């Protein structure tokens, strides 16, 4: 793996984790799952992945497909088959997370 790919992968992972960070009760108050495989966990991972896609596109970070993404696909498919609005809900929450992170960034810049 080249140094550039490793660095962009690191940034994409950071954006993913920051998207999770926005879900805390005192931030955007999203429900987190308790374990891999439950519906809330699958929904939160979907929010984080979509949020990551939004932010990476805006930041011009190219995401590499990772083998661990395949582990989530079955959970997302179950979620999406069980709730026709799940993709729309996850996308809306991902958009809220992206906007929250951008506001934090803007506040940080204006405070400097």
PDB file of N, CA and C in Angstrom:
ATOM      1  N   UNK A   1       0.850  -1.170   0.000  1.00  0.00           N
ATOM      2  CA  UNK A   1       0.000   0.000   0.000  1.00  0.00           C
ATOM      3  C   UNK A   1       0.898   1.235   0.000  1.00  0.00           C
ATOM      4  N   UNK A   2       0.613   2.153  -0.903  1.00  0.00           N
ATOM      5  CA  UNK A   2       1.429   3.362  -0.976  1.00  0.00           C
ATOM      6  C   UNK A   2       1.126   4.263   0.217  1.00  0.00           C
ATOM      7  N   UNK A   3       2.043   5.174   0.468  1.00  0.00           N
ATOM      8  CA  UNK A   3       1.878   6.109   1.583  1.00  0.00           C
ATOM      9  C   UNK A   3       0.656   7.005   1.377  1.00  0.00           C
ATOM     10  N   UNK A   4       0.406   7.409   0.138  1.00  0.00           N
ATOM     11  CA  UNK A   4      -0.752   8.264  -0.160  1.00  0.00           C
ATOM     12  C   UNK A   4      -2.050   7.524   0.104  1.00  0.00           C
ATOM     13  N   UNK A   5      -2.147   6.280  -0.331  1.00  0.00           N
ATOM     14  CA  UNK A   5      -3.358   5.490  -0.096  1.00  0.00           C
ATOM     15  C   UNK A   5      -3.551   5.253   1.392  1.00  0.00           C
ATOM     16  N   UNK A   6      -2.467   4.968   2.101  1.00  0.00           N
ATOM     17  CA  UNK A   6      -2.554   4.750   3.544  1.00  0.00           C
ATOM     18  C   UNK A   6      -3.041   6.010   4.251  1.00  0.00           C
ATOM     19  N   UNK A   7      -2.551   7.161   3.836  1.00  0.00           N
ATOM     20  CA  UNK A   7      -2.953   8.422   4.456  1.00  0.00           C
ATOM     21  C   UNK A   7      -4.424   8.739   4.163  1.00  0.00           C
ATOM     22  N   UNK A   8      -4.853   8.560   2.921  1.00  0.00           N
ATOM     23  CA  UNK A   8      -6.256   8.836   2.605  1.00  0.00           C
ATOM     24  C   UNK A   8      -7.180   7.846   3.318  1.00  0.00           C
ATOM     25  N   UNK A   9      -6.729   6.616   3.466  1.00  0.00           N
ATOM     26  CA  UNK A   9      -7.508   5.626   4.207  1.00  0.00           C
ATOM     27  C   UNK A   9      -7.636   6.039   5.672  1.00  0.00           C
ATOM     28  N   UNK A  10      -6.565   6.573   6.223  1.00  0.00           N
ATOM     29  CA  UNK A  10      -6.582   7.052   7.602  1.00  0.00           C
ATOM     30  C   UNK A  10      -7.571   8.204   7.755  1.00  0.00           C
ATOM     31  N   UNK A  11      -7.559   9.144   6.818  1.00  0.00           N
ATOM     32  CA  UNK A  11      -8.501  10.264   6.866  1.00  0.00           C
ATOM     33  C   UNK A  11      -9.939   9.785   6.731  1.00  0.00           C
ATOM     34  N   UNK A  12     -10.189   8.844   5.826  1.00  0.00           N
ATOM     35  CA  UNK A  12     -11.542   8.312   5.650  1.00  0.00           C
ATOM     36  C   UNK A  12     -12.019   7.625   6.930  1.00  0.00           C
ATOM     37  N   UNK A  13     -11.134   6.890   7.587  1.00  0.00           N
ATOM     38  CA  UNK A  13     -11.487   6.227   8.849  1.00  0.00           C
ATOM     39  C   UNK A  13     -11.775   7.270   9.929  1.00  0.00           C
ATOM     40  N   UNK A  14     -10.975   8.320   9.974  1.00  0.00           N
ATOM     41  CA  UNK A  14     -11.192   9.392  10.941  1.00  0.00           C
ATOM     42  C   UNK A  14     -12.564  10.047  10.726  1.00  0.00           C
ATOM     43  N   UNK A  15     -12.903  10.329   9.474  1.00  0.00           N
ATOM     44  CA  UNK A  15     -14.206  10.928   9.162  1.00  0.00           C
ATOM     45  C   UNK A  15     -15.332   9.978   9.587  1.00  0.00           C
ATOM     46  N   UNK A  16     -15.163   8.690   9.354  1.00  0.00           N
ATOM     47  CA  UNK A  16     -16.153   7.692   9.771  1.00  0.00           C
ATOM     48  C   UNK A  16     -16.353   7.744  11.292  1.00  0.00           C
ATOM     49  N   UNK A  17     -15.262   7.732  12.026  1.00  0.00           N
ATOM     50  CA  UNK A  17     -15.349   7.747  13.491  1.00  0.00           C
ATOM     51  C   UNK A  17     -15.908   9.063  14.004  1.00  0.00           C
ATOM     52  N   UNK A  18     -15.571  10.175  13.348  1.00  0.00           N
ATOM     53  CA  UNK A  18     -16.147  11.463  13.739  1.00  0.00           C
ATOM     54  C   UNK A  18     -17.654  11.485  13.493  1.00  0.00           C
ATOM     55  N   UNK A  19     -18.095  10.810  12.449  1.00  0.00           N
ATOM     56  CA  UNK A  19     -19.535  10.725  12.194  1.00  0.00           C
ATOM     57  C   UNK A  19     -20.210   9.986  13.342  1.00  0.00           C
ATOM     58  N   UNK A  20     -19.599   8.899  13.830  1.00  0.00           N
ATOM     59  CA  UNK A  20     -20.128   8.222  15.021  1.00  0.00           C
ATOM     60  C   UNK A  20     -20.142   9.184  16.214  1.00  0.00           C
ATOM     61  N   UNK A  21     -19.081   9.956  16.371  1.00  0.00           N
ATOM     62  CA  UNK A  21     -18.920  10.885  17.493  1.00  0.00           C
ATOM     63  C   UNK A  21     -20.087  11.859  17.579  1.00  0.00           C
ATOM     64  N   UNK A  22     -20.618  12.260  16.425  1.00  0.00           N
ATOM     65  CA  UNK A  22     -21.725  13.214  16.426  1.00  0.00           C
ATOM     66  C   UNK A  22     -22.995  12.639  17.028  1.00  0.00           C
ATOM     67  N   UNK A  23     -23.088  11.336  17.145  1.00  0.00           N
ATOM     68  CA  UNK A  23     -24.311  10.703  17.625  1.00  0.00           C
ATOM     69  C   UNK A  23     -24.493  10.698  19.123  1.00  0.00           C
ATOM     70  N   UNK A  24     -23.496  11.170  19.877  1.00  0.00           N
ATOM     71  CA  UNK A  24     -23.602  11.162  21.342  1.00  0.00           C
ATOM     72  C   UNK A  24     -24.832  11.952  21.804  1.00  0.00           C
ATOM     73  N   UNK A  25     -25.342  11.583  22.969  1.00  0.00           N
ATOM     74  CA  UNK A  25     -26.565  12.186  23.505  1.00  0.00           C
ATOM     75  C   UNK A  25     -26.487  13.714  23.531  1.00  0.00           C
ATOM     76  N   UNK A  26     -25.350  14.277  23.911  1.00  0.00           N
ATOM     77  CA  UNK A  26     -25.218  15.738  24.023  1.00  0.00           C
ATOM     78  C   UNK A  26     -24.863  16.407  22.686  1.00  0.00           C
ATOM     79  N   UNK A  27     -24.818  15.599  21.602  1.00  0.00           N
ATOM     80  CA  UNK A  27     -24.595  16.174  20.273  1.00  0.00           C
ATOM     81  C   UNK A  27     -25.886  15.999  19.462  1.00  0.00           C
ATOM     82  N   UNK A  28     -25.978  14.970  18.633  1.00  0.00           N
ATOM     83  CA  UNK A  28     -27.178  14.765  17.806  1.00  0.00           C
ATOM     84  C   UNK A  28     -28.099  13.672  18.347  1.00  0.00           C
ATOM     85  N   UNK A  29     -27.681  13.009  19.392  1.00  0.00           N
ATOM     86  CA  UNK A  29     -28.517  12.049  20.119  1.00  0.00           C
ATOM     87  C   UNK A  29     -29.113  10.952  19.240  1.00  0.00           C
ATOM     88  N   UNK A  30     -28.216  10.202  18.568  1.00  0.00           N
ATOM     89  CA  UNK A  30     -28.668   9.038  17.806  1.00  0.00           C
ATOM     90  C   UNK A  30     -28.586   7.804  18.691  1.00  0.00           C
ATOM     91  N   UNK A  31     -29.431   6.843  18.390  1.00  0.00           N
ATOM     92  CA  UNK A  31     -29.423   5.574  19.118  1.00  0.00           C
ATOM     93  C   UNK A  31     -28.307   4.690  18.565  1.00  0.00           C
ATOM     94  N   UNK A  32     -27.463   4.207  19.453  1.00  0.00           N
ATOM     95  CA  UNK A  32     -26.389   3.296  19.061  1.00  0.00           C
ATOM     96  C   UNK A  32     -26.804   1.878  19.412  1.00  0.00           C
ATOM     97  N   UNK A  33     -26.362   0.923  18.609  1.00  0.00           N
ATOM     98  CA  UNK A  33     -26.629  -0.469  18.926  1.00  0.00           C
ATOM     99  C   UNK A  33     -25.724  -0.950  20.052  1.00  0.00           C
ATOM    100  N   UNK A  34     -26.097  -2.055  20.612  1.00  0.00           N
ATOM    101  CA  UNK A  34     -25.315  -2.621  21.711  1.00  0.00           C
ATOM    102  C   UNK A  34     -24.278  -3.623  21.226  1.00  0.00           C
ATOM    103  N   UNK A  35     -24.534  -4.233  20.053  1.00  0.00           N
ATOM    104  CA  UNK A  35     -23.600  -5.234  19.552  1.00  0.00           C
ATOM    105  C   UNK A  35     -23.744  -5.349  18.038  1.00  0.00           C
ATOM    106  N   UNK A  36     -22.709  -5.879  17.408  1.00  0.00           N
ATOM    107  CA  UNK A  36     -22.753  -6.110  15.971  1.00  0.00           C
ATOM    108  C   UNK A  36     -23.922  -7.027  15.658  1.00  0.00           C
ATOM    109  N   UNK A  37     -24.723  -6.643  14.691  1.00  0.00           N
ATOM    110  CA  UNK A  37     -25.820  -7.486  14.262  1.00  0.00           C
ATOM    111  C   UNK A  37     -27.183  -6.999  14.678  1.00  0.00           C
ATOM    112  N   UNK A  38     -27.266  -6.149  15.728  1.00  0.00           N
ATOM    113  CA  UNK A  38     -28.607  -5.666  16.050  1.00  0.00           C
ATOM    114  C   UNK A  38     -28.974  -4.514  15.106  1.00  0.00           C
ATOM    115  N   UNK A  39     -30.259  -4.230  15.008  1.00  0.00           N
ATOM    116  CA  UNK A  39     -30.752  -3.259  14.028  1.00  0.00           C
ATOM    117  C   UNK A  39     -30.229  -1.851  14.281  1.00  0.00           C
ATOM    118  N   UNK A  40     -30.140  -1.440  15.540  1.00  0.00           N
ATOM    119  CA  UNK A  40     -29.642  -0.095  15.851  1.00  0.00           C
ATOM    120  C   UNK A  40     -28.170   0.027  15.469  1.00  0.00           C
ATOM    121  N   UNK A  41     -27.416  -1.030  15.697  1.00  0.00           N
ATOM    122  CA  UNK A  41     -25.993  -1.022  15.319  1.00  0.00           C
ATOM    123  C   UNK A  41     -25.858  -0.908  13.795  1.00  0.00           C
ATOM    124  N   UNK A  42     -26.652  -1.695  13.077  1.00  0.00           N
ATOM    125  CA  UNK A  42     -26.609  -1.658  11.613  1.00  0.00           C
ATOM    126  C   UNK A  42     -27.000  -0.269  11.103  1.00  0.00           C
ATOM    127  N   UNK A  43     -28.027   0.329  11.714  1.00  0.00           N
ATOM    128  CA  UNK A  43     -28.470   1.659  11.299  1.00  0.00           C
ATOM    129  C   UNK A  43     -27.384   2.700  11.557  1.00  0.00           C
ATOM    130  N   UNK A  44     -26.747   2.638  12.713  1.00  0.00           N
ATOM    131  CA  UNK A  44     -25.681   3.604  13.024  1.00  0.00           C
ATOM    132  C   UNK A  44     -24.498   3.440  12.079  1.00  0.00           C
ATOM    133  N   UNK A  45     -24.144   2.212  11.759  1.00  0.00           N
ATOM    134  CA  UNK A  45     -23.049   1.999  10.805  1.00  0.00           C
ATOM    135  C   UNK A  45     -23.413   2.527   9.422  1.00  0.00           C
ATOM    136  N   UNK A  46     -24.671   2.367   9.037  1.00  0.00           N
ATOM    137  CA  UNK A  46     -25.115   2.902   7.753  1.00  0.00           C
ATOM    138  C   UNK A  46     -25.042   4.429   7.762  1.00  0.00           C
ATOM    139  N   UNK A  47     -25.461   5.054   8.846  1.00  0.00           N
ATOM    140  CA  UNK A  47     -25.343   6.513   8.984  1.00  0.00           C
ATOM    141  C   UNK A  47     -23.880   6.924   8.855  1.00  0.00           C
ATOM    142  N   UNK A  48     -23.001   6.217   9.553  1.00  0.00           N
ATOM    143  CA  UNK A  48     -21.578   6.563   9.515  1.00  0.00           C
ATOM    144  C   UNK A  48     -20.982   6.385   8.123  1.00  0.00           C
ATOM    145  N   UNK A  49     -21.372   5.334   7.428  1.00  0.00           N
ATOM    146  CA  UNK A  49     -20.845   5.112   6.074  1.00  0.00           C
ATOM    147  C   UNK A  49     -21.343   6.160   5.094  1.00  0.00           C
ATOM    148  N   UNK A  50     -22.626   6.496   5.184  1.00  0.00           N
ATOM    149  CA  UNK A  50     -23.160   7.518   4.287  1.00  0.00           C
ATOM    150  C   UNK A  50     -22.554   8.882   4.626  1.00  0.00           C
ATOM    151  N   UNK A  51     -22.457   9.187   5.913  1.00  0.00           N
ATOM    152  CA  UNK A  51     -21.819  10.441   6.332  1.00  0.00           C
ATOM    153  C   UNK A  51     -20.386  10.525   5.859  1.00  0.00           C
ATOM    154  N   UNK A  52     -19.684   9.419   5.936  1.00  0.00           N
ATOM    155  CA  UNK A  52     -18.303   9.365   5.457  1.00  0.00           C
ATOM    156  C   UNK A  52     -18.247   9.632   3.956  1.00  0.00           C
ATOM    157  N   UNK A  53     -19.176   9.040   3.220  1.00  0.00           N
ATOM    158  CA  UNK A  53     -19.221   9.267   1.768  1.00  0.00           C
ATOM    159  C   UNK A  53     -19.462  10.743   1.462  1.00  0.00           C
ATOM    160  N   UNK A  54     -20.417  11.366   2.181  1.00  0.00           N
ATOM    161  CA  UNK A  54     -20.691  12.790   1.971  1.00  0.00           C
ATOM    162  C   UNK A  54     -19.440  13.628   2.232  1.00  0.00           C
ATOM    163  N   UNK A  55     -18.831  13.414   3.396  1.00  0.00           N
ATOM    164  CA  UNK A  55     -17.685  14.243   3.791  1.00  0.00           C
ATOM    165  C   UNK A  55     -16.454  13.967   2.947  1.00  0.00           C
ATOM    166  N   UNK A  56     -16.209  12.705   2.625  1.00  0.00           N
ATOM    167  CA  UNK A  56     -15.054  12.385   1.789  1.00  0.00           C
ATOM    168  C   UNK A  56     -15.205  13.012   0.404  1.00  0.00           C
ATOM    169  N   UNK A  57     -16.415  13.008  -0.132  1.00  0.00           N
ATOM    170  CA  UNK A  57     -16.642  13.638  -1.434  1.00  0.00           C
ATOM    171  C   UNK A  57     -16.352  15.133  -1.347  1.00  0.00           C
ATOM    172  N   UNK A  58     -16.829  15.762  -0.302  1.00  0.00           N
ATOM    173  CA  UNK A  58     -16.604  17.197  -0.135  1.00  0.00           C
ATOM    174  C   UNK A  58     -15.130  17.531   0.095  1.00  0.00           C
ATOM    175  N   UNK A  59     -14.445  16.666   0.833  1.00  0.00           N
ATOM    176  CA  UNK A  59     -13.024  16.885   1.130  1.00  0.00           C
ATOM    177  C   UNK A  59     -12.100  16.327   0.045  1.00  0.00           C
ATOM    178  N   UNK A  60     -12.702  15.719  -0.979  1.00  0.00           N
ATOM    179  CA  UNK A  60     -11.961  15.105  -2.079  1.00  0.00           C
ATOM    180  C   UNK A  60     -11.011  14.003  -1.598  1.00  0.00           C
ATOM    181  N   UNK A  61     -11.522  13.221  -0.687  1.00  0.00           N
ATOM    182  CA  UNK A  61     -10.800  12.051  -0.194  1.00  0.00           C
ATOM    183  C   UNK A  61     -11.377  10.843  -0.918  1.00  0.00           C
ATOM    184  N   UNK A  62     -10.530  10.093  -1.593  1.00  0.00           N
ATOM    185  CA  UNK A  62     -10.983   8.900  -2.292  1.00  0.00           C
ATOM    186  C   UNK A  62     -10.994   7.737  -1.312  1.00  0.00           C
ATOM    187  N   UNK A  63     -12.163   7.147  -1.152  1.00  0.00           N
ATOM    188  CA  UNK A  63     -12.280   6.008  -0.256  1.00  0.00           C
ATOM    189  C   UNK A  63     -11.910   4.728  -0.979  1.00  0.00           C
ATOM    190  N   UNK A  64     -11.148   3.909  -0.316  1.00  0.00           N
ATOM    191  CA  UNK A  64     -10.825   2.590  -0.837  1.00  0.00           C
ATOM    192  C   UNK A  64     -11.819   1.591  -0.264  1.00  0.00           C
ATOM    193  N   UNK A  65     -12.244   0.646  -1.067  1.00  0.00           N
ATOM    194  CA  UNK A  65     -13.100  -0.415  -0.559  1.00  0.00           C
ATOM    195  C   UNK A  65     -12.281  -1.268   0.386  1.00  0.00           C
ATOM    196  N   UNK A  66     -12.851  -1.526   1.549  1.00  0.00           N
ATOM    197  CA  UNK A  66     -12.144  -2.313   2.555  1.00  0.00           C
ATOM    198  C   UNK A  66     -12.853  -3.637   2.754  1.00  0.00           C
ATOM    199  N   UNK A  67     -12.102  -4.694   3.029  1.00  0.00           N
ATOM    200  CA  UNK A  67     -12.723  -6.009   3.223  1.00  0.00           C
ATOM    201  C   UNK A  67     -13.753  -6.041   4.354  1.00  0.00           C
ATOM    202  N   UNK A  68     -13.562  -5.227   5.405  1.00  0.00           N
ATOM    203  CA  UNK A  68     -14.498  -5.276   6.524  1.00  0.00           C
ATOM    204  C   UNK A  68     -15.861  -4.675   6.175  1.00  0.00           C
ATOM    205  N   UNK A  69     -15.953  -3.925   5.078  1.00  0.00           N
ATOM    206  CA  UNK A  69     -17.258  -3.404   4.654  1.00  0.00           C
ATOM    207  C   UNK A  69     -18.216  -4.532   4.322  1.00  0.00           C
ATOM    208  N   UNK A  70     -17.697  -5.618   3.791  1.00  0.00           N
ATOM    209  CA  UNK A  70     -18.546  -6.755   3.415  1.00  0.00           C
ATOM    210  C   UNK A  70     -19.288  -7.321   4.624  1.00  0.00           C
ATOM    211  N   UNK A  71     -18.687  -7.233   5.801  1.00  0.00           N
ATOM    212  CA  UNK A  71     -19.335  -7.745   7.012  1.00  0.00           C
ATOM    213  C   UNK A  71     -20.635  -7.009   7.311  1.00  0.00           C
ATOM    214  N   UNK A  72     -20.686  -5.752   6.932  1.00  0.00           N
ATOM    215  CA  UNK A  72     -21.859  -4.938   7.228  1.00  0.00           C
ATOM    216  C   UNK A  72     -22.970  -5.080   6.192  1.00  0.00           C
ATOM    217  N   UNK A  73     -22.633  -5.516   4.995  1.00  0.00           N
ATOM    218  CA  UNK A  73     -23.625  -5.553   3.920  1.00  0.00           C
ATOM    219  C   UNK A  73     -24.852  -6.388   4.265  1.00  0.00           C
ATOM    220  N   UNK A  74     -24.658  -7.546   4.835  1.00  0.00           N
ATOM    221  CA  UNK A  74     -25.797  -8.400   5.183  1.00  0.00           C
ATOM    222  C   UNK A  74     -26.694  -7.712   6.201  1.00  0.00           C
ATOM    223  N   UNK A  75     -26.084  -7.031   7.175  1.00  0.00           N
ATOM    224  CA  UNK A  75     -26.872  -6.317   8.183  1.00  0.00           C
ATOM    225  C   UNK A  75     -27.642  -5.163   7.558  1.00  0.00           C
ATOM    226  N   UNK A  76     -26.994  -4.435   6.643  1.00  0.00           N
ATOM    227  CA  UNK A  76     -27.675  -3.322   5.985  1.00  0.00           C
ATOM    228  C   UNK A  76     -28.817  -3.820   5.113  1.00  0.00           C
ATOM    229  N   UNK A  77     -28.597  -4.918   4.404  1.00  0.00           N
ATOM    230  CA  UNK A  77     -29.656  -5.466   3.561  1.00  0.00           C
ATOM    231  C   UNK A  77     -30.865  -5.883   4.393  1.00  0.00           C
ATOM    232  N   UNK A  78     -30.618  -6.502   5.538  1.00  0.00           N
ATOM    233  CA  UNK A  78     -31.707  -6.883   6.441  1.00  0.00           C
ATOM    234  C   UNK A  78     -32.450  -5.643   6.911  1.00  0.00           C
ATOM    235  N   UNK A  79     -31.699  -4.630   7.288  1.00  0.00           N
ATOM    236  CA  UNK A  79     -32.294  -3.375   7.738  1.00  0.00           C
ATOM    237  C   UNK A  79     -33.138  -2.744   6.633  1.00  0.00           C
ATOM    238  N   UNK A  80     -32.577  -2.669   5.441  1.00  0.00           N
ATOM    239  CA  UNK A  80     -33.264  -2.020   4.327  1.00  0.00           C
ATOM    240  C   UNK A  80     -34.497  -2.802   3.876  1.00  0.00           C
ATOM    241  N   UNK A  81     -34.421  -4.135   3.926  1.00  0.00           N
ATOM    242  CA  UNK A  81     -35.585  -4.950   3.557  1.00  0.00           C
ATOM    243  C   UNK A  81     -36.703  -4.816   4.583  1.00  0.00           C
ATOM    244  N   UNK A  82     -36.334  -4.615   5.839  1.00  0.00           N
ATOM    245  CA  UNK A  82     -37.322  -4.515   6.908  1.00  0.00           C
ATOM    246  C   UNK A  82     -37.957  -3.146   7.050  1.00  0.00           C
ATOM    247  N   UNK A  83     -37.325  -2.127   6.481  1.00  0.00           N
ATOM    248  CA  UNK A  83     -37.829  -0.762   6.623  1.00  0.00           C
ATOM    249  C   UNK A  83     -37.554  -0.009   5.332  1.00  0.00           C
ATOM    250  N   UNK A  84     -38.597   0.236   4.573  1.00  0.00           N
ATOM    251  CA  UNK A  84     -38.445   0.891   3.272  1.00  0.00           C
ATOM    252  C   UNK A  84     -37.889   2.309   3.395  1.00  0.00           C
ATOM    253  N   UNK A  85     -38.016   2.923   4.552  1.00  0.00           N
ATOM    254  CA  UNK A  85     -37.542   4.292   4.744  1.00  0.00           C
ATOM    255  C   UNK A  85     -36.162   4.351   5.406  1.00  0.00           C
ATOM    256  N   UNK A  86     -35.571   3.208   5.695  1.00  0.00           N
ATOM    257  CA  UNK A  86     -34.298   3.175   6.422  1.00  0.00           C
ATOM    258  C   UNK A  86     -33.196   3.937   5.690  1.00  0.00           C
ATOM    259  N   UNK A  87     -33.120   3.781   4.383  1.00  0.00           N
ATOM    260  CA  UNK A  87     -32.074   4.479   3.627  1.00  0.00           C
ATOM    261  C   UNK A  87     -32.265   5.992   3.695  1.00  0.00           C
ATOM    262  N   UNK A  88     -33.514   6.438   3.588  1.00  0.00           N
ATOM    263  CA  UNK A  88     -33.795   7.874   3.665  1.00  0.00           C
ATOM    264  C   UNK A  88     -33.492   8.414   5.057  1.00  0.00           C
ATOM    265  N   UNK A  89     -33.882   7.658   6.091  1.00  0.00           N
ATOM    266  CA  UNK A  89     -33.621   8.073   7.466  1.00  0.00           C
ATOM    267  C   UNK A  89     -32.119   8.123   7.740  1.00  0.00           C
ATOM    268  N   UNK A  90     -31.400   7.104   7.304  1.00  0.00           N
ATOM    269  CA  UNK A  90     -29.954   7.067   7.510  1.00  0.00           C
ATOM    270  C   UNK A  90     -29.271   8.204   6.759  1.00  0.00           C
ATOM    271  N   UNK A  91     -29.732   8.481   5.548  1.00  0.00           N
ATOM    272  CA  UNK A  91     -29.152   9.575   4.762  1.00  0.00           C
ATOM    273  C   UNK A  91     -29.404  10.923   5.421  1.00  0.00           C
ATOM    274  N   UNK A  92     -30.608  11.122   5.960  1.00  0.00           N
ATOM    275  CA  UNK A  92     -30.912  12.376   6.646  1.00  0.00           C
ATOM    276  C   UNK A  92     -30.040  12.542   7.887  1.00  0.00           C
ATOM    277  N   UNK A  93     -29.877  11.456   8.647  1.00  0.00           N
ATOM    278  CA  UNK A  93     -29.037  11.527   9.845  1.00  0.00           C
ATOM    279  C   UNK A  93     -27.568  11.724   9.474  1.00  0.00           C
ATOM    280  N   UNK A  94     -27.143  11.117   8.384  1.00  0.00           N
ATOM    281  CA  UNK A  94     -25.765  11.299   7.914  1.00  0.00           C
ATOM    282  C   UNK A  94     -25.537  12.747   7.488  1.00  0.00           C
ATOM    283  N   UNK A  95     -26.533  13.331   6.839  1.00  0.00           N
ATOM    284  CA  UNK A  95     -26.440  14.732   6.437  1.00  0.00           C
ATOM    285  C   UNK A  95     -26.354  15.639   7.663  1.00  0.00           C
ATOM    286  N   UNK A  96     -27.168  15.353   8.687  1.00  0.00           N
ATOM    287  CA  UNK A  96     -27.106  16.115   9.938  1.00  0.00           C
ATOM    288  C   UNK A  96     -25.723  16.006  10.568  1.00  0.00           C
ATOM    289  N   UNK A  97     -25.159  14.803  10.553  1.00  0.00           N
ATOM    290  CA  UNK A  97     -23.824  14.595  11.128  1.00  0.00           C
ATOM    291  C   UNK A  97     -22.772  15.384  10.361  1.00  0.00           C
ATOM    292  N   UNK A  98     -22.847  15.347   9.049  1.00  0.00           N
ATOM    293  CA  UNK A  98     -21.882  16.088   8.227  1.00  0.00           C
ATOM    294  C   UNK A  98     -21.991  17.587   8.495  1.00  0.00           C
ATOM    295  N   UNK A  99     -23.212  18.089   8.566  1.00  0.00           N
ATOM    296  CA  UNK A  99     -23.419  19.512   8.845  1.00  0.00           C
ATOM    297  C   UNK A  99     -22.900  19.874  10.242  1.00  0.00           C
ATOM    298  N   UNK A 100     -23.128  19.013  11.210  1.00  0.00           N
ATOM    299  CA  UNK A 100     -22.641  19.240  12.570  1.00  0.00           C
ATOM    300  C   UNK A 100     -21.114  19.356  12.576  1.00  0.00           C
ATOM    301  N   UNK A 101     -20.464  18.436  11.897  1.00  0.00           N
ATOM    302  CA  UNK A 101     -18.997  18.468  11.844  1.00  0.00           C
ATOM    303  C   UNK A 101     -18.495  19.719  11.127  1.00  0.00           C
ATOM    304  N   UNK A 102     -19.177  20.123  10.077  1.00  0.00           N
ATOM    305  CA  UNK A 102     -18.770  21.344   9.370  1.00  0.00           C
ATOM    306  C   UNK A 102     -18.969  22.574  10.254  1.00  0.00           C
ATOM    307  N   UNK A 103     -20.054  22.600  11.044  1.00  0.00           N
ATOM    308  CA  UNK A 103     -20.262  23.725  11.974  1.00  0.00           C
ATOM    309  C   UNK A 103     -19.157  23.748  13.022  1.00  0.00           C
ATOM    310  N   UNK A 104     -18.792  22.578  13.549  1.00  0.00           N
ATOM    311  CA  UNK A 104     -17.694  22.517  14.521  1.00  0.00           C
ATOM    312  C   UNK A 104     -16.406  23.053  13.929  1.00  0.00           C
ATOM    313  N   UNK A 105     -16.144  22.688  12.692  1.00  0.00           N
ATOM    314  CA  UNK A 105     -14.940  23.149  12.002  1.00  0.00           C
ATOM    315  C   UNK A 105     -14.977  24.660  11.813  1.00  0.00           C
ATOM    316  N   UNK A 106     -16.110  25.192  11.409  1.00  0.00           N
ATOM    317  CA  UNK A 106     -16.247  26.641  11.190  1.00  0.00           C
ATOM    318  C   UNK A 106     -16.088  27.401  12.508  1.00  0.00           C
ATOM    319  N   UNK A 107     -16.677  26.871  13.584  1.00  0.00           N
ATOM    320  CA  UNK A 107     -16.544  27.515  14.900  1.00  0.00           C
ATOM    321  C   UNK A 107     -15.087  27.502  15.352  1.00  0.00           C
ATOM    322  N   UNK A 108     -14.404  26.405  15.119  1.00  0.00           N
ATOM    323  CA  UNK A 108     -12.993  26.288  15.492  1.00  0.00           C
ATOM    324  C   UNK A 108     -12.147  27.310  14.729  1.00  0.00           C
ATOM    325  N   UNK A 109     -12.412  27.445  13.440  1.00  0.00           N
ATOM    326  CA  UNK A 109     -11.656  28.404  12.621  1.00  0.00           C
ATOM    327  C   UNK A 109     -11.925  29.841  13.055  1.00  0.00           C
ATOM    328  N   UNK A 110     -13.176  30.158  13.388  1.00  0.00           N
ATOM    329  CA  UNK A 110     -13.494  31.541  13.763  1.00  0.00           C
ATOM    330  C   UNK A 110     -12.957  31.881  15.144  1.00  0.00           C
ATOM    331  N   UNK A 111     -12.777  30.863  15.991  1.00  0.00           N
ATOM    332  CA  UNK A 111     -12.220  31.096  17.329  1.00  0.00           C
ATOM    333  C   UNK A 111     -10.710  31.301  17.294  1.00  0.00           C
ATOM    334  N   UNK A 112     -10.087  30.858  16.214  1.00  0.00           N
ATOM    335  CA  UNK A 112      -8.615  30.949  16.131  1.00  0.00           C
ATOM    336  C   UNK A 112      -8.148  32.342  15.777  1.00  0.00           C
TER     337      UNK A 112
END
